[in-house]
Amino acid sequence: MLGYLRMPDDYPPPKEPSGISKWSRGFSAFIRRGNVVDLAVGVMIGAAFGKIVTSLVQDIISPPLGMAMGKVKFSELKVTLGGPPEAPVTINYGHFLQALMDFLLIALVLFFVISLVNRLHRKPPPPAQALSLDQKLLTEIRDELKARSGTVVATKPAGAA
């Protein structure tokens, strides 16, 4: 046989790319899409917004709430288990209660802010689409048939499916 003709089985299988090669190509594609910049901006804005909301809860909402509940400062609530008087062993359940209240209040504030933003950014309903040429012709035919027969033909509204 001819030496230059080889059967497909004679060719070595293509090498699979290594894990690092696959990862670097995926990472390169990720960077080029611009998602990294969007993610970084989102994280930075989120961090700044988080500080604002945390300050709102801790500095504005929590003090009057603690006062209304009988001048309770939740972070000072604890149970003493024992130990020497100068360094007693305590369970500081007040810190947990304060963190729980902070979480609930932050969630509530975020809910109101997101609801407000969603209301402000509602999309207006899409404009009514103009009839296609086929629809116009069919409408004219229907109207002509109505006019000739003198009977009422049930019709659907223009945009109905």
N, C-alpha and C. Protein backbone atom coordinates (compact mmCIF):
# COMPACT_ATOMS: atom_id res chain seq x y z
N MET A 1 0.83 -1.18 0.00
CA MET A 1 0.00 0.00 0.00
C MET A 1 0.87 1.25 0.00
N LEU A 2 0.17 2.37 -0.16
CA LEU A 2 0.88 3.63 -0.16
C LEU A 2 1.24 4.02 1.26
N GLY A 3 2.47 4.47 1.45
CA GLY A 3 2.95 4.79 2.79
C GLY A 3 2.36 6.06 3.37
N TYR A 4 1.90 6.96 2.52
CA TYR A 4 1.40 8.24 3.04
C TYR A 4 -0.07 8.19 3.43
N LEU A 5 -0.79 7.13 3.07
CA LEU A 5 -2.18 7.00 3.47
C LEU A 5 -2.24 6.26 4.80
N ARG A 6 -2.84 6.89 5.77
CA ARG A 6 -2.96 6.26 7.08
C ARG A 6 -4.43 6.17 7.44
N MET A 7 -4.76 5.19 8.14
CA MET A 7 -6.12 4.99 8.61
C MET A 7 -6.35 5.91 9.81
N PRO A 8 -7.61 6.35 10.03
CA PRO A 8 -7.88 7.23 11.18
C PRO A 8 -7.49 6.61 12.51
N ASP A 9 -7.50 5.28 12.62
CA ASP A 9 -7.13 4.64 13.88
C ASP A 9 -5.64 4.80 14.18
N ASP A 10 -4.86 5.10 13.14
CA ASP A 10 -3.42 5.22 13.33
C ASP A 10 -3.02 6.53 14.00
N TYR A 11 -3.90 7.55 13.96
CA TYR A 11 -3.57 8.85 14.54
C TYR A 11 -3.71 8.79 16.06
N PRO A 12 -2.81 9.45 16.76
CA PRO A 12 -2.95 9.46 18.23
C PRO A 12 -4.15 10.33 18.63
N PRO A 13 -4.84 9.96 19.72
CA PRO A 13 -5.98 10.78 20.15
C PRO A 13 -5.50 12.16 20.58
N PRO A 14 -6.33 13.17 20.40
CA PRO A 14 -5.91 14.53 20.82
C PRO A 14 -5.72 14.57 22.33
N LYS A 15 -4.73 15.34 22.74
CA LYS A 15 -4.46 15.46 24.18
C LYS A 15 -5.54 16.31 24.85
N GLU A 16 -5.99 15.83 25.98
CA GLU A 16 -6.96 16.61 26.76
C GLU A 16 -6.20 17.73 27.44
N PRO A 17 -6.77 18.96 27.45
CA PRO A 17 -6.08 20.04 28.15
C PRO A 17 -6.03 19.75 29.64
N SER A 18 -4.95 20.20 30.26
CA SER A 18 -4.78 19.97 31.70
C SER A 18 -5.79 20.81 32.48
N GLY A 19 -5.94 20.50 33.75
CA GLY A 19 -6.88 21.23 34.60
C GLY A 19 -6.52 22.69 34.72
N ILE A 20 -5.22 22.97 34.80
CA ILE A 20 -4.78 24.36 34.92
C ILE A 20 -5.06 25.10 33.63
N SER A 21 -4.86 24.44 32.50
CA SER A 21 -5.12 25.07 31.21
C SER A 21 -6.60 25.40 31.05
N LYS A 22 -7.46 24.47 31.44
CA LYS A 22 -8.91 24.71 31.37
C LYS A 22 -9.29 25.88 32.28
N TRP A 23 -8.73 25.87 33.49
CA TRP A 23 -9.05 26.91 34.45
C TRP A 23 -8.58 28.27 33.94
N SER A 24 -7.35 28.34 33.39
CA SER A 24 -6.83 29.63 32.93
C SER A 24 -7.64 30.16 31.74
N ARG A 25 -8.08 29.27 30.84
CA ARG A 25 -8.91 29.73 29.72
C ARG A 25 -10.26 30.24 30.22
N GLY A 26 -10.85 29.52 31.18
CA GLY A 26 -12.13 29.97 31.74
C GLY A 26 -12.00 31.29 32.46
N PHE A 27 -10.92 31.43 33.24
CA PHE A 27 -10.70 32.67 33.97
C PHE A 27 -10.46 33.83 33.01
N SER A 28 -9.69 33.57 31.96
CA SER A 28 -9.43 34.61 30.96
C SER A 28 -10.74 35.05 30.29
N ALA A 29 -11.60 34.11 29.95
CA ALA A 29 -12.89 34.47 29.34
C ALA A 29 -13.75 35.25 30.32
N PHE A 30 -13.70 34.87 31.59
CA PHE A 30 -14.47 35.57 32.62
C PHE A 30 -14.01 37.02 32.74
N ILE A 31 -12.71 37.23 32.76
CA ILE A 31 -12.16 38.59 32.87
C ILE A 31 -12.55 39.42 31.66
N ARG A 32 -12.46 38.85 30.46
CA ARG A 32 -12.74 39.60 29.25
C ARG A 32 -14.21 39.97 29.11
N ARG A 33 -15.11 39.22 29.73
CA ARG A 33 -16.53 39.55 29.62
C ARG A 33 -16.89 40.78 30.42
N GLY A 34 -16.08 41.19 31.34
CA GLY A 34 -16.38 42.38 32.12
C GLY A 34 -17.12 42.07 33.41
N ASN A 35 -17.37 40.81 33.69
CA ASN A 35 -18.10 40.46 34.91
C ASN A 35 -17.31 40.83 36.16
N VAL A 36 -16.00 40.81 36.07
CA VAL A 36 -15.18 41.12 37.24
C VAL A 36 -15.41 42.56 37.67
N VAL A 37 -15.44 43.46 36.72
CA VAL A 37 -15.66 44.88 37.04
C VAL A 37 -17.05 45.07 37.64
N ASP A 38 -18.06 44.44 37.04
CA ASP A 38 -19.42 44.54 37.57
C ASP A 38 -19.49 43.99 38.99
N LEU A 39 -18.83 42.86 39.21
CA LEU A 39 -18.83 42.24 40.53
C LEU A 39 -18.13 43.15 41.54
N ALA A 40 -16.99 43.71 41.16
CA ALA A 40 -16.25 44.59 42.07
C ALA A 40 -17.07 45.82 42.44
N VAL A 41 -17.72 46.42 41.46
CA VAL A 41 -18.56 47.58 41.73
C VAL A 41 -19.70 47.20 42.66
N GLY A 42 -20.33 46.06 42.40
CA GLY A 42 -21.43 45.61 43.25
C GLY A 42 -20.99 45.36 44.69
N VAL A 43 -19.81 44.76 44.85
CA VAL A 43 -19.31 44.49 46.21
C VAL A 43 -19.00 45.79 46.93
N MET A 44 -18.38 46.74 46.24
CA MET A 44 -18.04 48.00 46.89
C MET A 44 -19.29 48.80 47.27
N ILE A 45 -20.24 48.86 46.38
CA ILE A 45 -21.48 49.57 46.70
C ILE A 45 -22.22 48.84 47.82
N GLY A 46 -22.22 47.52 47.77
CA GLY A 46 -22.87 46.74 48.83
C GLY A 46 -22.23 46.98 50.18
N ALA A 47 -20.91 47.05 50.23
CA ALA A 47 -20.21 47.30 51.49
C ALA A 47 -20.56 48.69 52.02
N ALA A 48 -20.55 49.67 51.15
CA ALA A 48 -20.89 51.03 51.59
C ALA A 48 -22.33 51.11 52.04
N PHE A 49 -23.23 50.49 51.30
CA PHE A 49 -24.64 50.50 51.68
C PHE A 49 -24.85 49.74 52.99
N GLY A 50 -24.10 48.66 53.18
CA GLY A 50 -24.18 47.90 54.43
C GLY A 50 -23.81 48.75 55.63
N LYS A 51 -22.78 49.58 55.48
CA LYS A 51 -22.38 50.47 56.58
C LYS A 51 -23.48 51.48 56.89
N ILE A 52 -24.12 52.00 55.85
CA ILE A 52 -25.20 52.96 56.06
C ILE A 52 -26.36 52.31 56.80
N VAL A 53 -26.75 51.13 56.36
CA VAL A 53 -27.89 50.45 56.99
C VAL A 53 -27.55 50.04 58.42
N THR A 54 -26.32 49.55 58.64
CA THR A 54 -25.91 49.17 59.99
C THR A 54 -25.93 50.38 60.92
N SER A 55 -25.44 51.51 60.45
CA SER A 55 -25.47 52.72 61.27
C SER A 55 -26.90 53.15 61.55
N LEU A 56 -27.77 53.06 60.55
CA LEU A 56 -29.17 53.41 60.75
C LEU A 56 -29.78 52.56 61.86
N VAL A 57 -29.51 51.27 61.82
CA VAL A 57 -30.10 50.37 62.82
C VAL A 57 -29.49 50.60 64.19
N GLN A 58 -28.13 50.62 64.27
CA GLN A 58 -27.48 50.71 65.58
C GLN A 58 -27.56 52.10 66.21
N ASP A 59 -27.50 53.14 65.39
CA ASP A 59 -27.41 54.50 65.95
C ASP A 59 -28.74 55.24 65.99
N ILE A 60 -29.70 54.85 65.17
CA ILE A 60 -30.95 55.59 65.11
C ILE A 60 -32.15 54.78 65.58
N ILE A 61 -32.23 53.53 65.17
CA ILE A 61 -33.42 52.73 65.51
C ILE A 61 -33.28 52.02 66.85
N SER A 62 -32.12 51.41 67.13
CA SER A 62 -31.95 50.62 68.36
C SER A 62 -32.04 51.44 69.65
N PRO A 63 -31.41 52.62 69.76
CA PRO A 63 -31.50 53.35 71.04
C PRO A 63 -32.93 53.68 71.45
N PRO A 64 -33.78 54.24 70.59
CA PRO A 64 -35.15 54.49 71.04
C PRO A 64 -35.92 53.21 71.33
N LEU A 65 -35.61 52.14 70.59
CA LEU A 65 -36.27 50.86 70.84
C LEU A 65 -35.90 50.32 72.21
N GLY A 66 -34.61 50.41 72.57
CA GLY A 66 -34.18 49.97 73.90
C GLY A 66 -34.79 50.82 74.99
N MET A 67 -34.93 52.12 74.74
CA MET A 67 -35.53 53.01 75.73
C MET A 67 -37.01 52.69 75.91
N ALA A 68 -37.70 52.41 74.79
CA ALA A 68 -39.12 52.09 74.86
C ALA A 68 -39.35 50.77 75.59
N MET A 69 -38.35 49.89 75.57
CA MET A 69 -38.50 48.59 76.24
C MET A 69 -38.02 48.65 77.69
N GLY A 70 -37.92 49.82 78.25
CA GLY A 70 -37.56 49.94 79.66
C GLY A 70 -36.09 50.22 79.88
N LYS A 71 -35.51 51.02 79.00
CA LYS A 71 -34.10 51.42 79.09
C LYS A 71 -33.18 50.20 79.17
N VAL A 72 -33.46 49.21 78.34
CA VAL A 72 -32.65 48.00 78.29
C VAL A 72 -31.56 48.18 77.25
N LYS A 73 -30.32 47.89 77.64
CA LYS A 73 -29.21 47.86 76.69
C LYS A 73 -28.89 46.37 76.52
N PHE A 74 -29.34 45.84 75.41
CA PHE A 74 -29.29 44.39 75.21
C PHE A 74 -27.88 43.83 75.31
N SER A 75 -26.88 44.57 74.84
CA SER A 75 -25.52 44.04 74.84
C SER A 75 -24.97 43.84 76.25
N GLU A 76 -25.61 44.40 77.28
CA GLU A 76 -25.14 44.23 78.65
C GLU A 76 -25.83 43.09 79.39
N LEU A 77 -26.79 42.43 78.76
CA LEU A 77 -27.48 41.31 79.41
C LEU A 77 -26.58 40.08 79.44
N LYS A 78 -26.45 39.45 80.63
CA LYS A 78 -25.60 38.27 80.75
C LYS A 78 -25.99 37.46 81.98
N VAL A 79 -25.54 36.22 81.99
CA VAL A 79 -25.74 35.33 83.12
C VAL A 79 -24.36 34.97 83.65
N THR A 80 -24.14 35.19 84.93
CA THR A 80 -22.85 34.86 85.54
C THR A 80 -22.87 33.41 86.01
N LEU A 81 -21.89 32.65 85.55
CA LEU A 81 -21.80 31.23 85.91
C LEU A 81 -20.94 31.02 87.15
N GLY A 82 -20.01 31.87 87.40
CA GLY A 82 -19.12 31.71 88.56
C GLY A 82 -17.78 32.32 88.25
N GLY A 83 -16.77 31.84 88.98
CA GLY A 83 -15.42 32.35 88.79
C GLY A 83 -15.12 33.46 89.77
N PRO A 84 -13.91 33.97 89.73
CA PRO A 84 -13.54 35.04 90.65
C PRO A 84 -14.31 36.33 90.34
N PRO A 85 -14.56 37.14 91.35
CA PRO A 85 -15.33 38.37 91.14
C PRO A 85 -14.68 39.34 90.15
N GLU A 86 -13.35 39.36 90.09
CA GLU A 86 -12.70 40.29 89.17
C GLU A 86 -12.74 39.81 87.71
N ALA A 87 -12.96 38.52 87.46
CA ALA A 87 -13.07 37.99 86.09
C ALA A 87 -14.10 36.86 86.07
N PRO A 88 -15.39 37.21 86.24
CA PRO A 88 -16.39 36.14 86.28
C PRO A 88 -16.61 35.51 84.90
N VAL A 89 -17.03 34.26 84.93
CA VAL A 89 -17.37 33.56 83.70
C VAL A 89 -18.85 33.83 83.42
N THR A 90 -19.12 34.39 82.25
CA THR A 90 -20.49 34.80 81.93
C THR A 90 -20.93 34.27 80.57
N ILE A 91 -22.23 34.13 80.42
CA ILE A 91 -22.85 33.87 79.12
C ILE A 91 -23.49 35.19 78.71
N ASN A 92 -22.97 35.80 77.67
CA ASN A 92 -23.43 37.11 77.22
C ASN A 92 -24.53 36.95 76.19
N TYR A 93 -25.70 36.57 76.63
CA TYR A 93 -26.81 36.36 75.70
C TYR A 93 -27.34 37.68 75.15
N GLY A 94 -27.01 38.78 75.78
CA GLY A 94 -27.43 40.09 75.29
C GLY A 94 -26.81 40.42 73.95
N HIS A 95 -25.54 40.01 73.75
CA HIS A 95 -24.90 40.24 72.46
C HIS A 95 -25.64 39.48 71.35
N PHE A 96 -26.06 38.26 71.68
CA PHE A 96 -26.82 37.47 70.71
C PHE A 96 -28.15 38.15 70.39
N LEU A 97 -28.85 38.60 71.43
CA LEU A 97 -30.13 39.29 71.20
C LEU A 97 -29.94 40.56 70.38
N GLN A 98 -28.85 41.30 70.67
CA GLN A 98 -28.58 42.51 69.91
C GLN A 98 -28.28 42.18 68.45
N ALA A 99 -27.48 41.14 68.21
CA ALA A 99 -27.18 40.73 66.83
C ALA A 99 -28.44 40.27 66.12
N LEU A 100 -29.30 39.56 66.82
CA LEU A 100 -30.57 39.08 66.24
C LEU A 100 -31.47 40.27 65.88
N MET A 101 -31.58 41.23 66.80
CA MET A 101 -32.39 42.41 66.51
C MET A 101 -31.79 43.23 65.37
N ASP A 102 -30.46 43.36 65.35
CA ASP A 102 -29.81 44.09 64.25
C ASP A 102 -30.12 43.42 62.92
N PHE A 103 -30.04 42.09 62.89
CA PHE A 103 -30.34 41.36 61.66
C PHE A 103 -31.77 41.61 61.20
N LEU A 104 -32.71 41.48 62.13
CA LEU A 104 -34.12 41.65 61.77
C LEU A 104 -34.41 43.08 61.31
N LEU A 105 -33.84 44.05 62.01
CA LEU A 105 -34.05 45.44 61.61
C LEU A 105 -33.39 45.76 60.28
N ILE A 106 -32.19 45.24 60.05
CA ILE A 106 -31.51 45.44 58.77
C ILE A 106 -32.32 44.81 57.65
N ALA A 107 -32.83 43.59 57.88
CA ALA A 107 -33.66 42.93 56.87
C ALA A 107 -34.91 43.76 56.58
N LEU A 108 -35.51 44.32 57.62
CA LEU A 108 -36.71 45.14 57.44
C LEU A 108 -36.40 46.41 56.64
N VAL A 109 -35.30 47.08 56.99
CA VAL A 109 -34.91 48.30 56.27
C VAL A 109 -34.61 47.97 54.81
N LEU A 110 -33.87 46.88 54.57
CA LEU A 110 -33.57 46.49 53.18
C LEU A 110 -34.84 46.16 52.41
N PHE A 111 -35.80 45.51 53.08
CA PHE A 111 -37.06 45.19 52.43
C PHE A 111 -37.76 46.48 51.97
N PHE A 112 -37.81 47.48 52.86
CA PHE A 112 -38.46 48.74 52.49
C PHE A 112 -37.71 49.46 51.38
N VAL A 113 -36.37 49.47 51.45
CA VAL A 113 -35.58 50.15 50.42
C VAL A 113 -35.76 49.46 49.07
N ILE A 114 -35.69 48.14 49.05
CA ILE A 114 -35.84 47.41 47.79
C ILE A 114 -37.25 47.56 47.24
N SER A 115 -38.26 47.55 48.12
CA SER A 115 -39.63 47.78 47.66
C SER A 115 -39.78 49.15 47.03
N LEU A 116 -39.18 50.15 47.65
CA LEU A 116 -39.23 51.51 47.11
C LEU A 116 -38.54 51.59 45.75
N VAL A 117 -37.36 51.00 45.64
CA VAL A 117 -36.62 51.01 44.38
C VAL A 117 -37.41 50.28 43.29
N ASN A 118 -38.01 49.15 43.64
CA ASN A 118 -38.80 48.41 42.65
C ASN A 118 -40.01 49.22 42.19
N ARG A 119 -40.64 49.95 43.10
CA ARG A 119 -41.77 50.79 42.71
C ARG A 119 -41.34 51.92 41.79
N LEU A 120 -40.17 52.47 42.04
CA LEU A 120 -39.67 53.58 41.21
C LEU A 120 -39.23 53.10 39.83
N HIS A 121 -38.81 51.85 39.73
CA HIS A 121 -38.28 51.33 38.47
C HIS A 121 -39.24 50.39 37.75
N ARG A 122 -40.53 50.50 38.02
CA ARG A 122 -41.49 49.66 37.30
C ARG A 122 -41.46 50.01 35.83
N LYS A 123 -41.48 48.99 35.02
CA LYS A 123 -41.48 49.22 33.58
C LYS A 123 -42.89 49.56 33.14
N PRO A 124 -43.02 50.56 32.28
CA PRO A 124 -44.36 50.88 31.77
C PRO A 124 -44.83 49.73 30.87
N PRO A 125 -46.13 49.56 30.75
CA PRO A 125 -46.62 48.48 29.89
C PRO A 125 -46.16 48.72 28.46
N PRO A 126 -45.89 47.64 27.74
CA PRO A 126 -45.42 47.83 26.37
C PRO A 126 -46.51 48.47 25.51
N PRO A 127 -46.11 49.30 24.56
CA PRO A 127 -47.12 49.95 23.71
C PRO A 127 -47.83 48.90 22.85
N ALA A 128 -49.06 49.20 22.51
CA ALA A 128 -49.82 48.28 21.67
C ALA A 128 -49.13 48.18 20.32
N GLN A 129 -48.97 46.95 19.87
CA GLN A 129 -48.28 46.74 18.60
C GLN A 129 -49.22 47.04 17.45
N ALA A 130 -48.67 47.60 16.41
CA ALA A 130 -49.47 47.88 15.20
C ALA A 130 -49.80 46.54 14.54
N LEU A 131 -50.93 46.51 13.88
CA LEU A 131 -51.34 45.29 13.20
C LEU A 131 -50.42 45.01 12.02
N SER A 132 -50.12 43.73 11.81
CA SER A 132 -49.32 43.35 10.66
C SER A 132 -50.18 43.46 9.40
N LEU A 133 -49.56 43.35 8.26
CA LEU A 133 -50.28 43.45 6.99
C LEU A 133 -51.34 42.36 6.90
N ASP A 134 -51.00 41.15 7.33
CA ASP A 134 -51.97 40.05 7.31
C ASP A 134 -53.17 40.37 8.19
N GLN A 135 -52.92 40.89 9.38
CA GLN A 135 -54.00 41.21 10.30
C GLN A 135 -54.89 42.32 9.73
N LYS A 136 -54.27 43.31 9.10
CA LYS A 136 -55.06 44.39 8.51
C LYS A 136 -55.97 43.86 7.40
N LEU A 137 -55.41 42.98 6.56
CA LEU A 137 -56.20 42.41 5.47
C LEU A 137 -57.35 41.57 5.99
N LEU A 138 -57.06 40.75 7.02
CA LEU A 138 -58.11 39.92 7.60
C LEU A 138 -59.20 40.78 8.25
N THR A 139 -58.79 41.88 8.87
CA THR A 139 -59.77 42.78 9.48
C THR A 139 -60.66 43.40 8.40
N GLU A 140 -60.05 43.81 7.29
CA GLU A 140 -60.84 44.39 6.20
C GLU A 140 -61.81 43.36 5.62
N ILE A 141 -61.34 42.12 5.46
CA ILE A 141 -62.22 41.06 4.93
C ILE A 141 -63.38 40.82 5.87
N ARG A 142 -63.10 40.75 7.18
CA ARG A 142 -64.14 40.54 8.18
C ARG A 142 -65.17 41.67 8.12
N ASP A 143 -64.67 42.90 8.08
CA ASP A 143 -65.58 44.04 8.04
C ASP A 143 -66.43 44.04 6.76
N GLU A 144 -65.82 43.66 5.65
CA GLU A 144 -66.55 43.58 4.38
C GLU A 144 -67.64 42.51 4.44
N LEU A 145 -67.29 41.36 5.03
CA LEU A 145 -68.28 40.28 5.16
C LEU A 145 -69.44 40.71 6.06
N LYS A 146 -69.12 41.43 7.13
CA LYS A 146 -70.17 41.93 8.03
C LYS A 146 -71.09 42.88 7.29
N ALA A 147 -70.50 43.75 6.52
CA ALA A 147 -71.29 44.75 5.81
C ALA A 147 -72.20 44.08 4.77
N ARG A 148 -71.74 43.05 4.10
CA ARG A 148 -72.55 42.39 3.07
C ARG A 148 -73.67 41.55 3.67
N SER A 149 -73.36 40.82 4.75
CA SER A 149 -74.38 39.92 5.30
C SER A 149 -75.33 40.62 6.26
N GLY A 150 -74.89 41.69 6.84
CA GLY A 150 -75.74 42.41 7.78
C GLY A 150 -75.85 41.71 9.12
N THR A 151 -75.06 40.69 9.36
CA THR A 151 -75.08 39.98 10.64
C THR A 151 -73.89 40.41 11.46
N VAL A 152 -74.03 40.16 12.73
CA VAL A 152 -72.94 40.49 13.64
C VAL A 152 -72.00 39.29 13.72
N VAL A 153 -70.73 39.51 13.49
CA VAL A 153 -69.73 38.47 13.56
C VAL A 153 -68.95 38.71 14.84
N ALA A 154 -68.78 37.64 15.62
CA ALA A 154 -68.01 37.77 16.87
C ALA A 154 -66.56 38.04 16.51
N THR A 155 -65.98 39.03 17.16
CA THR A 155 -64.58 39.39 16.88
C THR A 155 -63.81 39.44 18.18
N LYS A 156 -62.52 39.21 18.05
CA LYS A 156 -61.62 39.33 19.20
C LYS A 156 -61.00 40.71 19.15
N PRO A 157 -60.57 41.22 20.29
CA PRO A 157 -59.85 42.50 20.29
C PRO A 157 -58.55 42.35 19.50
N ALA A 158 -58.00 43.45 19.04
CA ALA A 158 -56.84 43.45 18.15
C ALA A 158 -55.65 42.70 18.75
N GLY A 159 -55.36 42.85 20.01
CA GLY A 159 -54.17 42.24 20.61
C GLY A 159 -54.39 40.87 21.21
N ALA A 160 -55.61 40.32 21.15
CA ALA A 160 -55.90 39.04 21.80
C ALA A 160 -55.32 37.89 20.99
N ALA A 161 -54.93 36.83 21.70
CA ALA A 161 -54.35 35.67 21.04
C ALA A 161 -55.43 34.66 20.71
